[in-house]
Amino acid sequence: FKANWLKSIIHWILKSLKRFKDQETIARWEEGLVE
């Protein structure tokens, strides 16, 4: 029932990974997961 919550959590987790992966890869991961 709260898909937006899940998207926010995923965005926060992926944002914290930016120091380990390039921004383009993180954006591609997030786009795929949101889809």
Full PDB file with SEQRES, HELIX, SHEET, SSBOND, CRYST1, ORIGX, SCALE, CONECT and MASTER records, all heavy atoms in Angstrom:
SEQRES   1 A   35  PHE LYS ALA ASN TRP LEU LYS SER ILE ILE HIS TRP ILE          
SEQRES   2 A   35  LEU LYS SER LEU LYS ARG PHE LYS ASP GLN GLU THR ILE          
SEQRES   3 A   35  ALA ARG TRP GLU GLU GLY LEU VAL GLU                          
HELIX    1 AA1 ALA A    3  LYS A   15  1                                  13    
HELIX    2 AA2 GLN A   23  VAL A   34  1                                  12    
CRYST1    1.000    1.000    1.000  90.00  90.00  90.00 P 1           1          
ORIGX1      1.000000  0.000000  0.000000        0.00000                         
ORIGX2      0.000000  1.000000  0.000000        0.00000                         
ORIGX3      0.000000  0.000000  1.000000        0.00000                         
SCALE1      1.000000  0.000000  0.000000        0.00000                         
SCALE2      0.000000  1.000000  0.000000        0.00000                         
SCALE3      0.000000  0.000000  1.000000        0.00000                         
ATOM      1  N   PHE A   1       0.795  -1.219   0.000  1.00  0.00           N  
ATOM      2  CA  PHE A   1       0.000   0.000   0.000  1.00  0.00           C  
ATOM      3  C   PHE A   1       0.832   1.275   0.000  1.00  0.00           C  
ATOM      4  O   PHE A   1       0.329   2.351  -0.300  1.00  0.00           O  
ATOM      5  CB  PHE A   1      -0.942   0.014   1.212  1.00  0.00           C  
ATOM      6  CG  PHE A   1      -2.106  -0.923   1.076  1.00  0.00           C  
ATOM      7  CD1 PHE A   1      -2.053  -2.198   1.595  1.00  0.00           C  
ATOM      8  CD2 PHE A   1      -3.264  -0.526   0.415  1.00  0.00           C  
ATOM      9  CE1 PHE A   1      -3.133  -3.069   1.471  1.00  0.00           C  
ATOM     10  CE2 PHE A   1      -4.343  -1.384   0.282  1.00  0.00           C  
ATOM     11  CZ  PHE A   1      -4.281  -2.661   0.810  1.00  0.00           C  
ATOM     12  N   LYS A   2       2.111   1.181   0.382  1.00  0.00           N  
ATOM     13  CA  LYS A   2       2.961   2.364   0.502  1.00  0.00           C  
ATOM     14  C   LYS A   2       4.188   2.242  -0.407  1.00  0.00           C  
ATOM     15  O   LYS A   2       5.328   2.221   0.053  1.00  0.00           O  
ATOM     16  CB  LYS A   2       3.398   2.554   1.964  1.00  0.00           C  
ATOM     17  CG  LYS A   2       2.252   2.743   2.945  1.00  0.00           C  
ATOM     18  CD  LYS A   2       1.536   4.081   2.714  1.00  0.00           C  
ATOM     19  CE  LYS A   2       0.432   4.292   3.740  1.00  0.00           C  
ATOM     20  NZ  LYS A   2      -0.275   5.577   3.512  1.00  0.00           N  
ATOM     21  N   ALA A   3       3.944   2.189  -1.721  1.00  0.00           N  
ATOM     22  CA  ALA A   3       5.036   2.029  -2.687  1.00  0.00           C  
ATOM     23  C   ALA A   3       5.997   3.209  -2.647  1.00  0.00           C  
ATOM     24  O   ALA A   3       7.195   3.046  -2.856  1.00  0.00           O  
ATOM     25  CB  ALA A   3       4.469   1.848  -4.092  1.00  0.00           C  
ATOM     26  N   ASN A   4       5.475   4.415  -2.384  1.00  0.00           N  
ATOM     27  CA  ASN A   4       6.331   5.609  -2.352  1.00  0.00           C  
ATOM     28  C   ASN A   4       7.348   5.526  -1.213  1.00  0.00           C  
ATOM     29  O   ASN A   4       8.469   6.024  -1.340  1.00  0.00           O  
ATOM     30  CB  ASN A   4       5.473   6.875  -2.204  1.00  0.00           C  
ATOM     31  CG  ASN A   4       4.733   7.202  -3.490  1.00  0.00           C  
ATOM     32  OD1 ASN A   4       5.198   6.876  -4.578  1.00  0.00           O  
ATOM     33  ND2 ASN A   4       3.573   7.821  -3.372  1.00  0.00           N  
ATOM     34  N   TRP A   5       6.939   4.932  -0.106  1.00  0.00           N  
ATOM     35  CA  TRP A   5       7.877   4.723   1.002  1.00  0.00           C  
ATOM     36  C   TRP A   5       9.047   3.872   0.535  1.00  0.00           C  
ATOM     37  O   TRP A   5      10.199   4.161   0.829  1.00  0.00           O  
ATOM     38  CB  TRP A   5       7.180   4.049   2.179  1.00  0.00           C  
ATOM     39  CG  TRP A   5       6.195   4.910   2.909  1.00  0.00           C  
ATOM     40  CD1 TRP A   5       5.739   6.139   2.525  1.00  0.00           C  
ATOM     41  CD2 TRP A   5       5.539   4.603   4.142  1.00  0.00           C  
ATOM     42  NE1 TRP A   5       4.828   6.607   3.437  1.00  0.00           N  
ATOM     43  CE2 TRP A   5       4.688   5.701   4.436  1.00  0.00           C  
ATOM     44  CE3 TRP A   5       5.573   3.524   5.011  1.00  0.00           C  
ATOM     45  CZ2 TRP A   5       3.881   5.740   5.579  1.00  0.00           C  
ATOM     46  CZ3 TRP A   5       4.779   3.557   6.146  1.00  0.00           C  
ATOM     47  CH2 TRP A   5       3.956   4.659   6.425  1.00  0.00           C  
ATOM     48  N   LEU A   6       8.708   2.802  -0.184  1.00  0.00           N  
ATOM     49  CA  LEU A   6       9.735   1.877  -0.668  1.00  0.00           C  
ATOM     50  C   LEU A   6      10.689   2.586  -1.623  1.00  0.00           C  
ATOM     51  O   LEU A   6      11.906   2.400  -1.561  1.00  0.00           O  
ATOM     52  CB  LEU A   6       9.071   0.683  -1.354  1.00  0.00           C  
ATOM     53  CG  LEU A   6       9.975  -0.469  -1.785  1.00  0.00           C  
ATOM     54  CD1 LEU A   6      10.715  -1.054  -0.604  1.00  0.00           C  
ATOM     55  CD2 LEU A   6       9.165  -1.551  -2.480  1.00  0.00           C  
ATOM     56  N   LYS A   7      10.150   3.441  -2.506  1.00  0.00           N  
ATOM     57  CA  LYS A   7      10.991   4.198  -3.436  1.00  0.00           C  
ATOM     58  C   LYS A   7      11.941   5.124  -2.677  1.00  0.00           C  
ATOM     59  O   LYS A   7      13.117   5.253  -3.040  1.00  0.00           O  
ATOM     60  CB  LYS A   7      10.109   5.024  -4.378  1.00  0.00           C  
ATOM     61  CG  LYS A   7       9.347   4.209  -5.404  1.00  0.00           C  
ATOM     62  CD  LYS A   7       8.526   5.134  -6.279  1.00  0.00           C  
ATOM     63  CE  LYS A   7       7.605   4.354  -7.202  1.00  0.00           C  
ATOM     64  NZ  LYS A   7       6.759   5.250  -8.024  1.00  0.00           N  
ATOM     65  N   SER A   8      11.422   5.766  -1.633  1.00  0.00           N  
ATOM     66  CA  SER A   8      12.257   6.682  -0.836  1.00  0.00           C  
ATOM     67  C   SER A   8      13.392   5.934  -0.156  1.00  0.00           C  
ATOM     68  O   SER A   8      14.540   6.412  -0.114  1.00  0.00           O  
ATOM     69  CB  SER A   8      11.394   7.390   0.212  1.00  0.00           C  
ATOM     70  OG  SER A   8      10.384   8.154  -0.401  1.00  0.00           O  
ATOM     71  N   ILE A   9      13.080   4.752   0.383  1.00  0.00           N  
ATOM     72  CA  ILE A   9      14.096   3.939   1.059  1.00  0.00           C  
ATOM     73  C   ILE A   9      15.173   3.506   0.064  1.00  0.00           C  
ATOM     74  O   ILE A   9      16.374   3.582   0.347  1.00  0.00           O  
ATOM     75  CB  ILE A   9      13.449   2.709   1.735  1.00  0.00           C  
ATOM     76  CG1 ILE A   9      12.560   3.156   2.901  1.00  0.00           C  
ATOM     77  CG2 ILE A   9      14.513   1.728   2.229  1.00  0.00           C  
ATOM     78  CD1 ILE A   9      11.671   2.055   3.456  1.00  0.00           C  
ATOM     79  N   ILE A  10      14.746   3.063  -1.134  1.00  0.00           N  
ATOM     80  CA  ILE A  10      15.696   2.643  -2.165  1.00  0.00           C  
ATOM     81  C   ILE A  10      16.576   3.816  -2.596  1.00  0.00           C  
ATOM     82  O   ILE A  10      17.792   3.670  -2.766  1.00  0.00           O  
ATOM     83  CB  ILE A  10      14.943   2.041  -3.376  1.00  0.00           C  
ATOM     84  CG1 ILE A  10      14.373   0.665  -3.001  1.00  0.00           C  
ATOM     85  CG2 ILE A  10      15.857   1.923  -4.600  1.00  0.00           C  
ATOM     86  CD1 ILE A  10      13.463   0.067  -4.033  1.00  0.00           C  
ATOM     87  N   HIS A  11      15.946   4.991  -2.767  1.00  0.00           N  
ATOM     88  CA  HIS A  11      16.705   6.193  -3.158  1.00  0.00           C  
ATOM     89  C   HIS A  11      17.757   6.522  -2.103  1.00  0.00           C  
ATOM     90  O   HIS A  11      18.910   6.838  -2.437  1.00  0.00           O  
ATOM     91  CB  HIS A  11      15.743   7.372  -3.330  1.00  0.00           C  
ATOM     92  CG  HIS A  11      16.429   8.662  -3.658  1.00  0.00           C  
ATOM     93  ND1 HIS A  11      16.988   8.914  -4.904  1.00  0.00           N  
ATOM     94  CD2 HIS A  11      16.688   9.763  -2.892  1.00  0.00           C  
ATOM     95  CE1 HIS A  11      17.546  10.119  -4.894  1.00  0.00           C  
ATOM     96  NE2 HIS A  11      17.379  10.657  -3.688  1.00  0.00           N  
ATOM     97  N   TRP A  12      17.377   6.424  -0.837  1.00  0.00           N  
ATOM     98  CA  TRP A  12      18.307   6.734   0.259  1.00  0.00           C  
ATOM     99  C   TRP A  12      19.466   5.733   0.299  1.00  0.00           C  
ATOM    100  O   TRP A  12      20.619   6.113   0.470  1.00  0.00           O  
ATOM    101  CB  TRP A  12      17.542   6.711   1.575  1.00  0.00           C  
ATOM    102  CG  TRP A  12      18.411   7.005   2.766  1.00  0.00           C  
ATOM    103  CD1 TRP A  12      18.835   8.234   3.202  1.00  0.00           C  
ATOM    104  CD2 TRP A  12      18.980   6.034   3.655  1.00  0.00           C  
ATOM    105  NE1 TRP A  12      19.626   8.101   4.313  1.00  0.00           N  
ATOM    106  CE2 TRP A  12      19.747   6.764   4.619  1.00  0.00           C  
ATOM    107  CE3 TRP A  12      18.924   4.646   3.744  1.00  0.00           C  
ATOM    108  CZ2 TRP A  12      20.436   6.122   5.641  1.00  0.00           C  
ATOM    109  CZ3 TRP A  12      19.616   4.020   4.770  1.00  0.00           C  
ATOM    110  CH2 TRP A  12      20.368   4.744   5.706  1.00  0.00           C  
ATOM    111  N   ILE A  13      19.149   4.450   0.107  1.00  0.00           N  
ATOM    112  CA  ILE A  13      20.191   3.409   0.131  1.00  0.00           C  
ATOM    113  C   ILE A  13      21.169   3.594  -1.021  1.00  0.00           C  
ATOM    114  O   ILE A  13      22.392   3.548  -0.849  1.00  0.00           O  
ATOM    115  CB  ILE A  13      19.548   1.996   0.073  1.00  0.00           C  
ATOM    116  CG1 ILE A  13      18.779   1.716   1.366  1.00  0.00           C  
ATOM    117  CG2 ILE A  13      20.624   0.923  -0.137  1.00  0.00           C  
ATOM    118  CD1 ILE A  13      17.952   0.436   1.323  1.00  0.00           C  
ATOM    119  N   LEU A  14      20.620   3.827  -2.238  1.00  0.00           N  
ATOM    120  CA  LEU A  14      21.474   3.990  -3.415  1.00  0.00           C  
ATOM    121  C   LEU A  14      22.311   5.266  -3.327  1.00  0.00           C  
ATOM    122  O   LEU A  14      23.464   5.311  -3.791  1.00  0.00           O  
ATOM    123  CB  LEU A  14      20.624   3.991  -4.683  1.00  0.00           C  
ATOM    124  CG  LEU A  14      19.966   2.655  -5.049  1.00  0.00           C  
ATOM    125  CD1 LEU A  14      19.092   2.814  -6.286  1.00  0.00           C  
ATOM    126  CD2 LEU A  14      21.014   1.576  -5.286  1.00  0.00           C  
ATOM    127  N   LYS A  15      21.730   6.297  -2.729  1.00  0.00           N  
ATOM    128  CA  LYS A  15      22.463   7.554  -2.547  1.00  0.00           C  
ATOM    129  C   LYS A  15      23.703   7.353  -1.680  1.00  0.00           C  
ATOM    130  O   LYS A  15      24.765   7.947  -1.920  1.00  0.00           O  
ATOM    131  CB  LYS A  15      21.537   8.595  -1.914  1.00  0.00           C  
ATOM    132  CG  LYS A  15      22.114  10.000  -1.888  1.00  0.00           C  
ATOM    133  CD  LYS A  15      21.113  10.980  -1.299  1.00  0.00           C  
ATOM    134  CE  LYS A  15      21.710  12.377  -1.226  1.00  0.00           C  
ATOM    135  NZ  LYS A  15      20.760  13.356  -0.626  1.00  0.00           N  
ATOM    136  N   SER A  16      23.550   6.486  -0.673  1.00  0.00           N  
ATOM    137  CA  SER A  16      24.686   6.210   0.218  1.00  0.00           C  
ATOM    138  C   SER A  16      25.770   5.380  -0.455  1.00  0.00           C  
ATOM    139  O   SER A  16      26.882   5.257   0.055  1.00  0.00           O  
ATOM    140  CB  SER A  16      24.188   5.490   1.482  1.00  0.00           C  
ATOM    141  OG  SER A  16      23.670   4.213   1.156  1.00  0.00           O  
ATOM    142  N   LEU A  17      25.456   4.798  -1.632  1.00  0.00           N  
ATOM    143  CA  LEU A  17      26.437   3.976  -2.353  1.00  0.00           C  
ATOM    144  C   LEU A  17      27.246   4.778  -3.378  1.00  0.00           C  
ATOM    145  O   LEU A  17      28.116   4.224  -4.053  1.00  0.00           O  
ATOM    146  CB  LEU A  17      25.717   2.824  -3.071  1.00  0.00           C  
ATOM    147  CG  LEU A  17      25.049   1.752  -2.199  1.00  0.00           C  
ATOM    148  CD1 LEU A  17      24.303   0.752  -3.076  1.00  0.00           C  
ATOM    149  CD2 LEU A  17      26.076   1.022  -1.348  1.00  0.00           C  
ATOM    150  N   LYS A  18      26.941   6.061  -3.497  1.00  0.00           N  
ATOM    151  CA  LYS A  18      27.592   6.875  -4.535  1.00  0.00           C  
ATOM    152  C   LYS A  18      29.103   6.975  -4.355  1.00  0.00           C  
ATOM    153  O   LYS A  18      29.834   7.212  -5.310  1.00  0.00           O  
ATOM    154  CB  LYS A  18      26.964   8.273  -4.562  1.00  0.00           C  
ATOM    155  CG  LYS A  18      25.600   8.287  -5.244  1.00  0.00           C  
ATOM    156  CD  LYS A  18      25.019   9.684  -5.347  1.00  0.00           C  
ATOM    157  CE  LYS A  18      23.676   9.653  -6.084  1.00  0.00           C  
ATOM    158  NZ  LYS A  18      23.059  10.997  -6.152  1.00  0.00           N  
ATOM    159  N   ARG A  19      29.567   6.817  -3.138  1.00  0.00           N  
ATOM    160  CA  ARG A  19      31.018   6.872  -2.902  1.00  0.00           C  
ATOM    161  C   ARG A  19      31.726   5.629  -3.433  1.00  0.00           C  
ATOM    162  O   ARG A  19      32.956   5.630  -3.605  1.00  0.00           O  
ATOM    163  CB  ARG A  19      31.304   7.050  -1.411  1.00  0.00           C  
ATOM    164  CG  ARG A  19      30.934   5.858  -0.549  1.00  0.00           C  
ATOM    165  CD  ARG A  19      31.169   6.118   0.920  1.00  0.00           C  
ATOM    166  NE  ARG A  19      30.211   7.102   1.434  1.00  0.00           N  
ATOM    167  CZ  ARG A  19      30.143   7.480   2.703  1.00  0.00           C  
ATOM    168  NH1 ARG A  19      30.991   6.974   3.582  1.00  0.00           N  
ATOM    169  NH2 ARG A  19      29.242   8.342   3.099  1.00  0.00           N  
ATOM    170  N   PHE A  20      30.961   4.549  -3.664  1.00  0.00           N  
ATOM    171  CA  PHE A  20      31.556   3.300  -4.155  1.00  0.00           C  
ATOM    172  C   PHE A  20      31.320   3.080  -5.648  1.00  0.00           C  
ATOM    173  O   PHE A  20      32.064   2.354  -6.295  1.00  0.00           O  
ATOM    174  CB  PHE A  20      30.989   2.102  -3.382  1.00  0.00           C  
ATOM    175  CG  PHE A  20      31.123   2.227  -1.884  1.00  0.00           C  
ATOM    176  CD1 PHE A  20      30.020   2.488  -1.093  1.00  0.00           C  
ATOM    177  CD2 PHE A  20      32.360   2.090  -1.271  1.00  0.00           C  
ATOM    178  CE1 PHE A  20      30.133   2.606   0.287  1.00  0.00           C  
ATOM    179  CE2 PHE A  20      32.488   2.196   0.100  1.00  0.00           C  
ATOM    180  CZ  PHE A  20      31.379   2.467   0.889  1.00  0.00           C  
ATOM    181  N   LYS A  21      30.239   3.676  -6.189  1.00  0.00           N  
ATOM    182  CA  LYS A  21      29.895   3.493  -7.599  1.00  0.00           C  
ATOM    183  C   LYS A  21      29.693   4.854  -8.266  1.00  0.00           C  
ATOM    184  O   LYS A  21      29.315   5.832  -7.606  1.00  0.00           O  
ATOM    185  CB  LYS A  21      28.603   2.667  -7.728  1.00  0.00           C  
ATOM    186  CG  LYS A  21      28.805   1.170  -7.547  1.00  0.00           C  
ATOM    187  CD  LYS A  21      29.396   0.534  -8.800  1.00  0.00           C  
ATOM    188  CE  LYS A  21      29.517  -0.970  -8.651  1.00  0.00           C  
ATOM    189  NZ  LYS A  21      30.130  -1.583  -9.856  1.00  0.00           N  
ATOM    190  N   ASP A  22      29.890   4.907  -9.598  1.00  0.00           N  
ATOM    191  CA  ASP A  22      29.693   6.171 -10.295  1.00  0.00           C  
ATOM    192  C   ASP A  22      28.206   6.519 -10.369  1.00  0.00           C  
ATOM    193  O   ASP A  22      27.340   5.649 -10.306  1.00  0.00           O  
ATOM    194  CB  ASP A  22      30.292   6.102 -11.709  1.00  0.00           C  
ATOM    195  CG  ASP A  22      29.646   5.032 -12.558  1.00  0.00           C  
ATOM    196  OD1 ASP A  22      30.096   3.856 -12.453  1.00  0.00           O  
ATOM    197  OD2 ASP A  22      28.703   5.343 -13.291  1.00  0.00           O  
ATOM    198  N   GLN A  23      27.911   7.782 -10.519  1.00  0.00           N  
ATOM    199  CA  GLN A  23      26.548   8.295 -10.469  1.00  0.00           C  
ATOM    200  C   GLN A  23      25.673   7.708 -11.578  1.00  0.00           C  
ATOM    201  O   GLN A  23      24.489   7.456 -11.378  1.00  0.00           O  
ATOM    202  CB  GLN A  23      26.568   9.824 -10.566  1.00  0.00           C  
ATOM    203  CG  GLN A  23      25.243  10.464 -10.190  1.00  0.00           C  
ATOM    204  CD  GLN A  23      25.378  11.967  -9.977  1.00  0.00           C  
ATOM    205  OE1 GLN A  23      26.489  12.456  -9.861  1.00  0.00           O  
ATOM    206  NE2 GLN A  23      24.265  12.667  -9.923  1.00  0.00           N  
ATOM    207  N   GLU A  24      26.251   7.482 -12.743  1.00  0.00           N  
ATOM    208  CA  GLU A  24      25.484   6.940 -13.877  1.00  0.00           C  
ATOM    209  C   GLU A  24      24.971   5.532 -13.574  1.00  0.00           C  
ATOM    210  O   GLU A  24      23.820   5.198 -13.863  1.00  0.00           O  
ATOM    211  CB  GLU A  24      26.372   6.919 -15.127  1.00  0.00           C  
ATOM    212  CG  GLU A  24      25.621   6.528 -16.385  1.00  0.00           C  
ATOM    213  CD  GLU A  24      26.525   6.515 -17.613  1.00  0.00           C  
ATOM    214  OE1 GLU A  24      27.571   7.203 -17.589  1.00  0.00           O  
ATOM    215  OE2 GLU A  24      26.190   5.803 -18.579  1.00  0.00           O  
ATOM    216  N   THR A  25      25.833   4.703 -12.971  1.00  0.00           N  
ATOM    217  CA  THR A  25      25.435   3.336 -12.606  1.00  0.00           C  
ATOM    218  C   THR A  25      24.334   3.354 -11.551  1.00  0.00           C  
ATOM    219  O   THR A  25      23.340   2.608 -11.658  1.00  0.00           O  
ATOM    220  CB  THR A  25      26.650   2.546 -12.066  1.00  0.00           C  
ATOM    221  OG1 THR A  25      27.678   2.544 -13.047  1.00  0.00           O  
ATOM    222  CG2 THR A  25      26.254   1.115 -11.727  1.00  0.00           C  
ATOM    223  N   ILE A  26      24.500   4.233 -10.543  1.00  0.00           N  
ATOM    224  CA  ILE A  26      23.497   4.345  -9.477  1.00  0.00           C  
ATOM    225  C   ILE A  26      22.153   4.775 -10.065  1.00  0.00           C  
ATOM    226  O   ILE A  26      21.101   4.225  -9.713  1.00  0.00           O  
ATOM    227  CB  ILE A  26      23.952   5.369  -8.404  1.00  0.00           C  
ATOM    228  CG1 ILE A  26      25.221   4.877  -7.686  1.00  0.00           C  
ATOM    229  CG2 ILE A  26      22.834   5.625  -7.401  1.00  0.00           C  
ATOM    230  CD1 ILE A  26      25.030   3.664  -6.817  1.00  0.00           C  
ATOM    231  N   ALA A  27      22.179   5.744 -10.975  1.00  0.00           N  
ATOM    232  CA  ALA A  27      20.942   6.235 -11.601  1.00  0.00           C  
ATOM    233  C   ALA A  27      20.264   5.134 -12.410  1.00  0.00           C  
ATOM    234  O   ALA A  27      19.027   5.004 -12.404  1.00  0.00           O  
ATOM    235  CB  ALA A  27      21.257   7.429 -12.498  1.00  0.00           C  
ATOM    236  N   ARG A  28      21.083   4.306 -13.099  1.00  0.00           N  
ATOM    237  CA  ARG A  28      20.528   3.209 -13.896  1.00  0.00           C  
ATOM    238  C   ARG A  28      19.883   2.166 -12.999  1.00  0.00           C  
ATOM    239  O   ARG A  28      18.809   1.633 -13.302  1.00  0.00           O  
ATOM    240  CB  ARG A  28      21.648   2.586 -14.742  1.00  0.00           C  
ATOM    241  CG  ARG A  28      21.133   1.602 -15.791  1.00  0.00           C  
ATOM    242  CD  ARG A  28      22.192   1.211 -16.802  1.00  0.00           C  
ATOM    243  NE  ARG A  28      23.306   0.507 -16.195  1.00  0.00           N  
ATOM    244  CZ  ARG A  28      24.526   1.007 -16.042  1.00  0.00           C  
ATOM    245  NH1 ARG A  28      24.797   2.249 -16.473  1.00  0.00           N  
ATOM    246  NH2 ARG A  28      25.497   0.314 -15.482  1.00  0.00           N  
ATOM    247  N   TRP A  29      20.530   1.863 -11.867  1.00  0.00           N  
ATOM    248  CA  TRP A  29      19.975   0.921 -10.898  1.00  0.00           C  
ATOM    249  C   TRP A  29      18.632   1.422 -10.347  1.00  0.00           C  
ATOM    250  O   TRP A  29      17.666   0.684 -10.278  1.00  0.00           O  
ATOM    251  CB  TRP A  29      20.956   0.731  -9.731  1.00  0.00           C  
ATOM    252  CG  TRP A  29      22.152  -0.109 -10.060  1.00  0.00           C  
ATOM    253  CD1 TRP A  29      22.407  -0.759 -11.236  1.00  0.00           C  
ATOM    254  CD2 TRP A  29      23.272  -0.381  -9.204  1.00  0.00           C  
ATOM    255  NE1 TRP A  29      23.618  -1.424 -11.181  1.00  0.00           N  
ATOM    256  CE2 TRP A  29      24.162  -1.209  -9.929  1.00  0.00           C  
ATOM    257  CE3 TRP A  29      23.600  -0.004  -7.915  1.00  0.00           C  
ATOM    258  CZ2 TRP A  29      25.365  -1.674  -9.389  1.00  0.00           C  
ATOM    259  CZ3 TRP A  29      24.803  -0.465  -7.362  1.00  0.00           C  
ATOM    260  CH2 TRP A  29      25.671  -1.282  -8.092  1.00  0.00           C  
ATOM    261  N   GLU A  30      18.633   2.719  -9.984  1.00  0.00           N  
ATOM    262  CA  GLU A  30      17.415   3.279  -9.385  1.00  0.00           C  
ATOM    263  C   GLU A  30      16.261   3.288 -10.381  1.00  0.00           C  
ATOM    264  O   GLU A  30      15.126   2.974 -10.043  1.00  0.00           O  
ATOM    265  CB  GLU A  30      17.685   4.703  -8.876  1.00  0.00           C  
ATOM    266  CG  GLU A  30      16.501   5.307  -8.143  1.00  0.00           C  
ATOM    267  CD  GLU A  30      16.832   6.597  -7.423  1.00  0.00           C  
ATOM    268  OE1 GLU A  30      18.025   6.993  -7.397  1.00  0.00           O  
ATOM    269  OE2 GLU A  30      15.897   7.212  -6.871  1.00  0.00           O  
ATOM    270  N   GLU A  31      16.584   3.657 -11.628  1.00  0.00           N  
ATOM    271  CA  GLU A  31      15.547   3.681 -12.672  1.00  0.00           C  
ATOM    272  C   GLU A  31      14.938   2.289 -12.869  1.00  0.00           C  
ATOM    273  O   GLU A  31      13.717   2.136 -12.973  1.00  0.00           O  
ATOM    274  CB  GLU A  31      16.158   4.178 -13.987  1.00  0.00           C  
ATOM    275  CG  GLU A  31      15.146   4.340 -15.105  1.00  0.00           C  
ATOM    276  CD  GLU A  31      15.783   4.774 -16.417  1.00  0.00           C  
ATOM    277  OE1 GLU A  31      16.981   5.143 -16.410  1.00  0.00           O  
ATOM    278  OE2 GLU A  31      15.083   4.736 -17.448  1.00  0.00           O  
ATOM    279  N   GLY A  32      15.803   1.273 -12.906  1.00  0.00           N  
ATOM    280  CA  GLY A  32      15.319  -0.107 -13.077  1.00  0.00           C  
ATOM    281  C   GLY A  32      14.460  -0.567 -11.909  1.00  0.00           C  
ATOM    282  O   GLY A  32      13.402  -1.186 -12.114  1.00  0.00           O  
ATOM    283  N   LEU A  33      14.904  -0.244 -10.688  1.00  0.00           N  
ATOM    284  CA  LEU A  33      14.159  -0.652  -9.499  1.00  0.00           C  
ATOM    285  C   LEU A  33      12.809   0.060  -9.406  1.00  0.00           C  
ATOM    286  O   LEU A  33      11.794  -0.555  -9.082  1.00  0.00           O  
ATOM    287  CB  LEU A  33      14.986  -0.377  -8.237  1.00  0.00           C  
ATOM    288  CG  LEU A  33      16.168  -1.318  -7.986  1.00  0.00           C  
ATOM    289  CD1 LEU A  33      17.045  -0.796  -6.852  1.00  0.00           C  
ATOM    290  CD2 LEU A  33      15.680  -2.725  -7.655  1.00  0.00           C  
ATOM    291  N   VAL A  34      12.803   1.367  -9.700  1.00  0.00           N  
ATOM    292  CA  VAL A  34      11.546   2.138  -9.658  1.00  0.00           C  
ATOM    293  C   VAL A  34      10.554   1.606 -10.686  1.00  0.00           C  
ATOM    294  O   VAL A  34       9.347   1.500 -10.429  1.00  0.00           O  
ATOM    295  CB  VAL A  34      11.831   3.646  -9.898  1.00  0.00           C  
ATOM    296  CG1 VAL A  34      10.529   4.407 -10.169  1.00  0.00           C  
ATOM    297  CG2 VAL A  34      12.539   4.240  -8.694  1.00  0.00           C  
ATOM    298  N   GLU A  35      11.075   1.240 -11.860  1.00  0.00           N  
ATOM    299  CA  GLU A  35      10.218   0.677 -12.904  1.00  0.00           C  
ATOM    300  C   GLU A  35       9.565  -0.623 -12.434  1.00  0.00           C  
ATOM    301  O   GLU A  35       8.369  -0.848 -12.654  1.00  0.00           O  
ATOM    302  CB  GLU A  35      11.068   0.415 -14.163  1.00  0.00           C  
ATOM    303  CG  GLU A  35      10.263  -0.069 -15.356  1.00  0.00           C  
ATOM    304  CD  GLU A  35      11.151  -0.369 -16.565  1.00  0.00           C  
ATOM    305  OE1 GLU A  35      12.179   0.319 -16.724  1.00  0.00           O  
ATOM    306  OE2 GLU A  35      10.807  -1.292 -17.324  1.00  0.00           O  
TER     307      GLU A  35                                                      
MASTER        0    0    0    2    0    0    0    6  306    1    0    3          
END                                                                             
